[in-house]
C-alpha cells in the first residue's frame, strides 16, 4: 500500500502510470543515493572495480526505485 497515491494518471504501452510511494521504493532510492556517494568516492580514489560496481548499483536501484514509484508500488507487466 503506497504512502502517497495520485490515482491513475495515464497509460504507456499497456502500463498504467500512477505515482505511488511506498517503503520499498524509498528503500531502493536510499540505496541508489548511497551508491552515488560510493561512485564519487571510487572516482576520487581511481578504483576501477569500485567504479563499475557502484555505477551498476546506481543504475539498477535508481531505475527500479523510479519504476516502482511510477507504477503505483509494484509493476504489473503480466497482461
Protein backbone atom coordinates (compact mmCIF):
# COMPACT_ATOMS: atom_id res chain seq x y z
CA UNK A 1 0.00 0.00 0.00
CA UNK A 2 1.58 3.29 -1.06
CA UNK A 3 2.02 6.21 1.32
CA UNK A 4 1.24 8.65 -1.48
CA UNK A 5 -1.23 7.86 -4.27
CA UNK A 6 -2.12 10.21 -7.12
CA UNK A 7 -4.52 7.79 -8.76
CA UNK A 8 -4.36 6.80 -12.41
CA UNK A 9 -2.55 9.43 -14.48
CA UNK A 10 -2.08 7.94 -17.97
CA UNK A 11 -1.09 4.77 -19.80
CA UNK A 12 2.11 3.96 -21.71
CA UNK A 13 2.31 0.74 -23.70
CA UNK A 14 -0.33 -1.04 -21.67
CA UNK A 15 1.16 0.00 -18.30
CA UNK A 16 -0.96 2.36 -16.22
CA UNK A 17 1.14 5.10 -14.65
CA UNK A 18 0.36 6.10 -11.06
CA UNK A 19 2.59 7.99 -8.68
CA UNK A 20 2.74 5.83 -5.58
CA UNK A 21 5.48 5.94 -2.97
CA UNK A 22 5.86 3.03 -0.58
CA UNK A 23 8.57 1.75 1.78
CA UNK A 24 10.09 -0.46 -0.94
CA UNK A 25 10.65 2.45 -3.32
CA UNK A 26 12.04 4.65 -0.54
CA UNK A 27 14.49 1.90 0.45
CA UNK A 28 15.68 1.44 -3.14
CA UNK A 29 16.05 5.20 -3.57
CA UNK A 30 18.17 5.40 -0.41
CA UNK A 31 20.43 2.61 -1.71
CA UNK A 32 20.79 4.48 -5.01
CA UNK A 33 21.80 7.64 -3.15
CA UNK A 34 24.41 5.74 -1.13
CA UNK A 35 25.59 4.24 -4.44
CA UNK A 36 26.14 7.73 -5.84
CA UNK A 37 28.19 8.55 -2.76
CA UNK A 38 30.24 5.37 -3.34
CA UNK A 39 30.64 6.22 -7.02
CA UNK A 40 32.07 9.64 -6.20
CA UNK A 41 34.47 8.14 -3.65
CA UNK A 42 35.57 5.45 -6.12
CA UNK A 43 36.25 8.01 -8.84
CA UNK A 44 38.28 10.12 -6.39
CA UNK A 45 40.34 7.04 -5.43
CA UNK A 46 40.67 5.91 -9.06
CA UNK A 47 39.41 2.43 -8.19
CA UNK A 48 38.07 0.97 -11.44
CA UNK A 49 36.36 -2.09 -9.93
CA UNK A 50 34.59 0.05 -7.32
CA UNK A 51 33.50 2.46 -10.07
CA UNK A 52 31.97 -0.41 -12.06
CA UNK A 53 30.11 -1.88 -9.09
CA UNK A 54 28.86 1.45 -7.75
CA UNK A 55 27.76 2.52 -11.23
CA UNK A 56 25.82 -0.76 -11.57
CA UNK A 57 24.28 -0.14 -8.14
CA UNK A 58 23.16 3.38 -9.02
CA UNK A 59 21.68 2.30 -12.37
CA UNK A 60 19.91 -0.79 -11.01
CA UNK A 61 18.46 0.58 -7.80
CA UNK A 62 17.78 4.02 -9.28
CA UNK A 63 15.84 2.54 -12.19
CA UNK A 64 13.79 0.23 -10.01
CA UNK A 65 13.07 2.99 -7.48
CA UNK A 66 11.74 5.26 -10.21
CA UNK A 67 9.85 2.41 -11.91
CA UNK A 68 8.30 1.42 -8.58
CA UNK A 69 7.20 4.97 -7.85
CA UNK A 70 5.69 5.49 -11.32
CA UNK A 71 3.79 2.20 -11.41
CA UNK A 72 1.94 2.64 -8.12
CA UNK A 73 4.12 0.47 -5.96
CA UNK A 74 4.74 -2.72 -7.92
CA UNK A 75 4.80 -3.02 -11.73
CA UNK A 76 2.18 -5.38 -13.11
CA UNK A 77 3.60 -6.33 -16.51
CA UNK A 78 1.66 -9.58 -16.99
CA UNK A 79 -1.30 -8.75 -19.21
